[in-house]
N, C-alpha and C. Protein backbone atom coordinates (compact mmCIF):
# COMPACT_ATOMS: atom_id res chain seq x y z
N UNK A 1 -12.57 -19.46 -11.93
CA UNK A 1 -12.70 -19.43 -13.37
C UNK A 1 -11.54 -18.62 -13.95
N UNK A 2 -10.87 -19.19 -14.92
CA UNK A 2 -9.76 -18.49 -15.57
C UNK A 2 -10.30 -17.42 -16.51
N UNK A 3 -9.53 -16.33 -16.60
CA UNK A 3 -9.86 -15.25 -17.52
C UNK A 3 -8.65 -14.96 -18.39
N UNK A 4 -8.92 -14.73 -19.66
CA UNK A 4 -7.86 -14.45 -20.62
C UNK A 4 -8.04 -13.04 -21.19
N UNK A 5 -6.93 -12.44 -21.54
CA UNK A 5 -6.95 -11.10 -22.13
C UNK A 5 -7.46 -11.20 -23.56
N UNK A 6 -8.43 -10.34 -23.87
CA UNK A 6 -8.90 -10.17 -25.24
C UNK A 6 -8.50 -8.79 -25.71
N UNK A 7 -7.91 -8.70 -26.87
CA UNK A 7 -7.51 -7.41 -27.45
C UNK A 7 -8.56 -6.97 -28.45
N UNK A 8 -9.03 -5.75 -28.29
CA UNK A 8 -10.07 -5.23 -29.17
C UNK A 8 -9.43 -4.42 -30.29
N UNK A 9 -9.82 -4.77 -31.51
CA UNK A 9 -9.31 -4.10 -32.71
C UNK A 9 -10.48 -3.41 -33.40
N UNK A 10 -10.27 -2.20 -33.85
CA UNK A 10 -11.34 -1.50 -34.58
C UNK A 10 -10.70 -0.55 -35.57
N UNK A 11 -11.07 -0.69 -36.81
CA UNK A 11 -10.63 0.23 -37.85
C UNK A 11 -11.86 0.85 -38.47
N UNK A 12 -11.67 1.99 -39.11
CA UNK A 12 -12.79 2.65 -39.78
C UNK A 12 -13.48 1.67 -40.72
N UNK A 13 -14.79 1.73 -40.73
CA UNK A 13 -15.62 0.91 -41.62
C UNK A 13 -15.43 -0.59 -41.40
N UNK A 14 -15.14 -0.99 -40.16
CA UNK A 14 -15.03 -2.42 -39.85
C UNK A 14 -15.76 -2.71 -38.55
N UNK A 15 -16.02 -3.98 -38.32
CA UNK A 15 -16.60 -4.40 -37.06
C UNK A 15 -15.53 -4.36 -35.97
N UNK A 16 -15.95 -4.56 -34.73
CA UNK A 16 -15.02 -4.69 -33.62
C UNK A 16 -14.48 -6.11 -33.62
N UNK A 17 -13.18 -6.25 -33.62
CA UNK A 17 -12.57 -7.57 -33.58
C UNK A 17 -11.97 -7.83 -32.22
N UNK A 18 -11.91 -9.09 -31.84
CA UNK A 18 -11.27 -9.49 -30.59
C UNK A 18 -10.33 -10.64 -30.89
N UNK A 19 -9.09 -10.51 -30.44
CA UNK A 19 -8.11 -11.59 -30.56
C UNK A 19 -7.56 -11.91 -29.18
N UNK A 20 -6.92 -13.06 -29.06
CA UNK A 20 -6.44 -13.55 -27.78
C UNK A 20 -4.94 -13.85 -27.86
N UNK A 21 -4.11 -13.07 -27.16
CA UNK A 21 -2.67 -13.32 -27.21
C UNK A 21 -2.28 -14.73 -26.79
N UNK A 22 -3.02 -15.34 -25.88
CA UNK A 22 -2.69 -16.70 -25.44
C UNK A 22 -3.11 -17.78 -26.43
N UNK A 23 -3.93 -17.40 -27.41
CA UNK A 23 -4.45 -18.36 -28.39
C UNK A 23 -4.34 -17.77 -29.80
N UNK A 24 -3.15 -17.76 -30.37
CA UNK A 24 -2.99 -17.22 -31.72
C UNK A 24 -3.96 -17.91 -32.68
N UNK A 25 -4.61 -17.13 -33.50
CA UNK A 25 -5.56 -17.67 -34.46
C UNK A 25 -7.00 -17.68 -33.97
N UNK A 26 -7.20 -17.50 -32.68
CA UNK A 26 -8.57 -17.44 -32.14
C UNK A 26 -9.03 -15.99 -32.20
N UNK A 27 -10.00 -15.72 -33.05
CA UNK A 27 -10.51 -14.35 -33.23
C UNK A 27 -12.02 -14.38 -33.40
N UNK A 28 -12.63 -13.25 -33.18
CA UNK A 28 -14.05 -13.08 -33.42
C UNK A 28 -14.31 -11.61 -33.71
N UNK A 29 -15.52 -11.31 -34.14
CA UNK A 29 -15.87 -9.91 -34.42
C UNK A 29 -17.37 -9.72 -34.23
N UNK A 30 -17.73 -8.48 -33.94
CA UNK A 30 -19.13 -8.13 -33.79
C UNK A 30 -19.39 -6.73 -34.29
N UNK A 31 -20.63 -6.46 -34.68
CA UNK A 31 -20.99 -5.15 -35.21
C UNK A 31 -20.88 -4.06 -34.15
N UNK A 32 -21.11 -4.42 -32.88
CA UNK A 32 -20.98 -3.47 -31.77
C UNK A 32 -19.93 -4.00 -30.80
N UNK A 33 -19.47 -3.13 -29.93
CA UNK A 33 -18.51 -3.56 -28.92
C UNK A 33 -19.15 -4.61 -27.99
N UNK A 34 -20.40 -4.39 -27.63
CA UNK A 34 -21.10 -5.35 -26.78
C UNK A 34 -21.19 -6.72 -27.44
N UNK A 35 -21.55 -6.74 -28.71
CA UNK A 35 -21.65 -8.02 -29.43
C UNK A 35 -20.28 -8.70 -29.52
N UNK A 36 -19.25 -7.93 -29.81
CA UNK A 36 -17.90 -8.50 -29.90
C UNK A 36 -17.48 -9.12 -28.58
N UNK A 37 -17.80 -8.47 -27.46
CA UNK A 37 -17.45 -9.01 -26.15
C UNK A 37 -18.21 -10.30 -25.86
N UNK A 38 -19.49 -10.35 -26.22
CA UNK A 38 -20.27 -11.57 -26.03
C UNK A 38 -19.73 -12.71 -26.89
N UNK A 39 -19.42 -12.40 -28.13
CA UNK A 39 -18.90 -13.43 -29.04
C UNK A 39 -17.51 -13.88 -28.63
N UNK A 40 -16.76 -13.01 -27.95
CA UNK A 40 -15.43 -13.37 -27.49
C UNK A 40 -15.49 -14.55 -26.52
N UNK A 41 -16.47 -14.54 -25.62
CA UNK A 41 -16.62 -15.65 -24.69
C UNK A 41 -16.89 -16.95 -25.44
N UNK A 42 -17.75 -16.89 -26.43
CA UNK A 42 -18.07 -18.09 -27.22
C UNK A 42 -16.87 -18.56 -28.02
N UNK A 43 -16.15 -17.62 -28.63
CA UNK A 43 -14.99 -17.98 -29.45
C UNK A 43 -13.90 -18.62 -28.60
N UNK A 44 -13.67 -18.06 -27.41
CA UNK A 44 -12.66 -18.62 -26.52
C UNK A 44 -13.05 -20.04 -26.09
N UNK A 45 -14.28 -20.23 -25.68
CA UNK A 45 -14.74 -21.55 -25.26
C UNK A 45 -14.63 -22.56 -26.41
N UNK A 46 -15.03 -22.16 -27.61
CA UNK A 46 -14.97 -23.05 -28.77
C UNK A 46 -13.53 -23.43 -29.08
N UNK A 47 -12.63 -22.45 -29.04
CA UNK A 47 -11.23 -22.72 -29.33
C UNK A 47 -10.63 -23.69 -28.30
N UNK A 48 -10.91 -23.45 -27.04
CA UNK A 48 -10.37 -24.32 -25.98
C UNK A 48 -10.96 -25.72 -26.09
N UNK A 49 -12.24 -25.84 -26.42
CA UNK A 49 -12.84 -27.17 -26.61
C UNK A 49 -12.09 -27.94 -27.70
N UNK A 50 -11.72 -27.26 -28.76
CA UNK A 50 -10.94 -27.90 -29.83
C UNK A 50 -9.58 -28.37 -29.34
N UNK A 51 -8.93 -27.55 -28.52
CA UNK A 51 -7.64 -27.95 -27.96
C UNK A 51 -7.79 -29.17 -27.06
N UNK A 52 -8.85 -29.18 -26.25
CA UNK A 52 -9.10 -30.32 -25.37
C UNK A 52 -9.36 -31.57 -26.20
N UNK A 53 -10.19 -31.44 -27.23
CA UNK A 53 -10.49 -32.59 -28.10
C UNK A 53 -9.21 -33.13 -28.75
N UNK A 54 -8.28 -32.24 -29.07
CA UNK A 54 -7.01 -32.63 -29.69
C UNK A 54 -5.95 -33.02 -28.67
N UNK A 55 -6.33 -33.01 -27.40
CA UNK A 55 -5.44 -33.34 -26.28
C UNK A 55 -4.21 -32.43 -26.24
N UNK A 56 -4.45 -31.16 -26.52
CA UNK A 56 -3.38 -30.17 -26.44
C UNK A 56 -3.45 -29.44 -25.11
N UNK A 57 -2.36 -28.86 -24.73
CA UNK A 57 -2.27 -28.14 -23.46
C UNK A 57 -2.98 -26.80 -23.54
N UNK A 58 -3.72 -26.48 -22.51
CA UNK A 58 -4.38 -25.18 -22.40
C UNK A 58 -3.43 -24.27 -21.64
N UNK A 59 -2.99 -23.16 -22.24
CA UNK A 59 -2.04 -22.31 -21.54
C UNK A 59 -2.67 -21.60 -20.35
N UNK A 60 -1.86 -21.33 -19.35
CA UNK A 60 -2.31 -20.49 -18.25
C UNK A 60 -2.48 -19.07 -18.80
N UNK A 61 -3.42 -18.32 -18.23
CA UNK A 61 -3.61 -16.95 -18.71
C UNK A 61 -2.37 -16.09 -18.48
N UNK A 62 -2.01 -15.32 -19.49
CA UNK A 62 -0.94 -14.33 -19.35
C UNK A 62 -1.54 -13.11 -18.67
N UNK A 63 -0.80 -12.50 -17.78
CA UNK A 63 -1.32 -11.33 -17.06
C UNK A 63 -1.52 -10.16 -18.01
N UNK A 64 -2.46 -9.31 -17.67
CA UNK A 64 -2.72 -8.11 -18.46
C UNK A 64 -1.46 -7.26 -18.56
N UNK A 65 -0.74 -7.14 -17.46
CA UNK A 65 0.49 -6.34 -17.46
C UNK A 65 1.51 -6.87 -18.45
N UNK A 66 1.66 -8.18 -18.50
CA UNK A 66 2.62 -8.77 -19.43
C UNK A 66 2.17 -8.59 -20.88
N UNK A 67 0.89 -8.78 -21.13
CA UNK A 67 0.37 -8.60 -22.49
C UNK A 67 0.59 -7.16 -22.95
N UNK A 68 0.30 -6.20 -22.07
CA UNK A 68 0.40 -4.79 -22.45
C UNK A 68 1.84 -4.28 -22.45
N UNK A 69 2.78 -5.06 -21.97
CA UNK A 69 4.19 -4.67 -22.03
C UNK A 69 4.70 -4.65 -23.47
N UNK A 70 4.03 -5.37 -24.35
CA UNK A 70 4.38 -5.36 -25.77
C UNK A 70 3.96 -4.01 -26.35
N UNK A 71 4.92 -3.24 -26.83
CA UNK A 71 4.63 -1.88 -27.30
C UNK A 71 3.63 -1.85 -28.44
N UNK A 72 3.52 -2.90 -29.22
CA UNK A 72 2.55 -2.94 -30.33
C UNK A 72 1.11 -3.03 -29.82
N UNK A 73 0.94 -3.36 -28.56
CA UNK A 73 -0.41 -3.55 -28.01
C UNK A 73 -0.86 -2.40 -27.13
N UNK A 74 -0.01 -1.44 -26.86
CA UNK A 74 -0.33 -0.38 -25.91
C UNK A 74 -1.49 0.52 -26.35
N UNK A 75 -1.76 0.57 -27.62
CA UNK A 75 -2.84 1.41 -28.14
C UNK A 75 -4.18 0.68 -28.18
N UNK A 76 -4.17 -0.61 -27.90
CA UNK A 76 -5.39 -1.40 -28.01
C UNK A 76 -6.17 -1.41 -26.70
N UNK A 77 -7.47 -1.49 -26.82
CA UNK A 77 -8.33 -1.67 -25.64
C UNK A 77 -8.32 -3.16 -25.31
N UNK A 78 -8.57 -3.46 -24.05
CA UNK A 78 -8.56 -4.85 -23.61
C UNK A 78 -9.85 -5.19 -22.85
N UNK A 79 -10.17 -6.46 -22.85
CA UNK A 79 -11.23 -6.99 -22.01
C UNK A 79 -10.70 -8.27 -21.38
N UNK A 80 -11.26 -8.63 -20.25
CA UNK A 80 -10.93 -9.91 -19.63
C UNK A 80 -12.08 -10.86 -19.95
N UNK A 81 -11.73 -11.96 -20.60
CA UNK A 81 -12.76 -12.89 -21.09
C UNK A 81 -12.72 -14.16 -20.24
N UNK A 82 -13.81 -14.46 -19.55
CA UNK A 82 -13.82 -15.68 -18.72
C UNK A 82 -13.91 -16.91 -19.61
N UNK A 83 -13.17 -17.93 -19.22
CA UNK A 83 -13.23 -19.21 -19.93
C UNK A 83 -14.34 -20.03 -19.31
N UNK A 84 -15.42 -20.17 -20.04
CA UNK A 84 -16.57 -20.95 -19.58
C UNK A 84 -16.57 -22.27 -20.31
N UNK A 85 -16.42 -23.34 -19.56
CA UNK A 85 -16.39 -24.68 -20.17
C UNK A 85 -17.61 -25.44 -19.67
N UNK A 86 -17.91 -26.49 -20.38
CA UNK A 86 -19.08 -27.31 -20.02
C UNK A 86 -18.88 -28.08 -18.77
């Protein structure tokens, strides 16, 4: 099963957000960190299903090391999100 890096974003007075460097525009949020992580799996699967429906290429996962090499991302927490498809 492929796993993609999810970047966790949190600002004061906001929910926890999760974005995916391999899938620009794919984001989700949850009131708690646990909820955000659960919703991240659903958001990733939904986004990839759309790409498949549109016959677009699914990128290979970028390594955590490569994602974190970007200095703008070094302050962010990360999770590994499994891609669960039907």
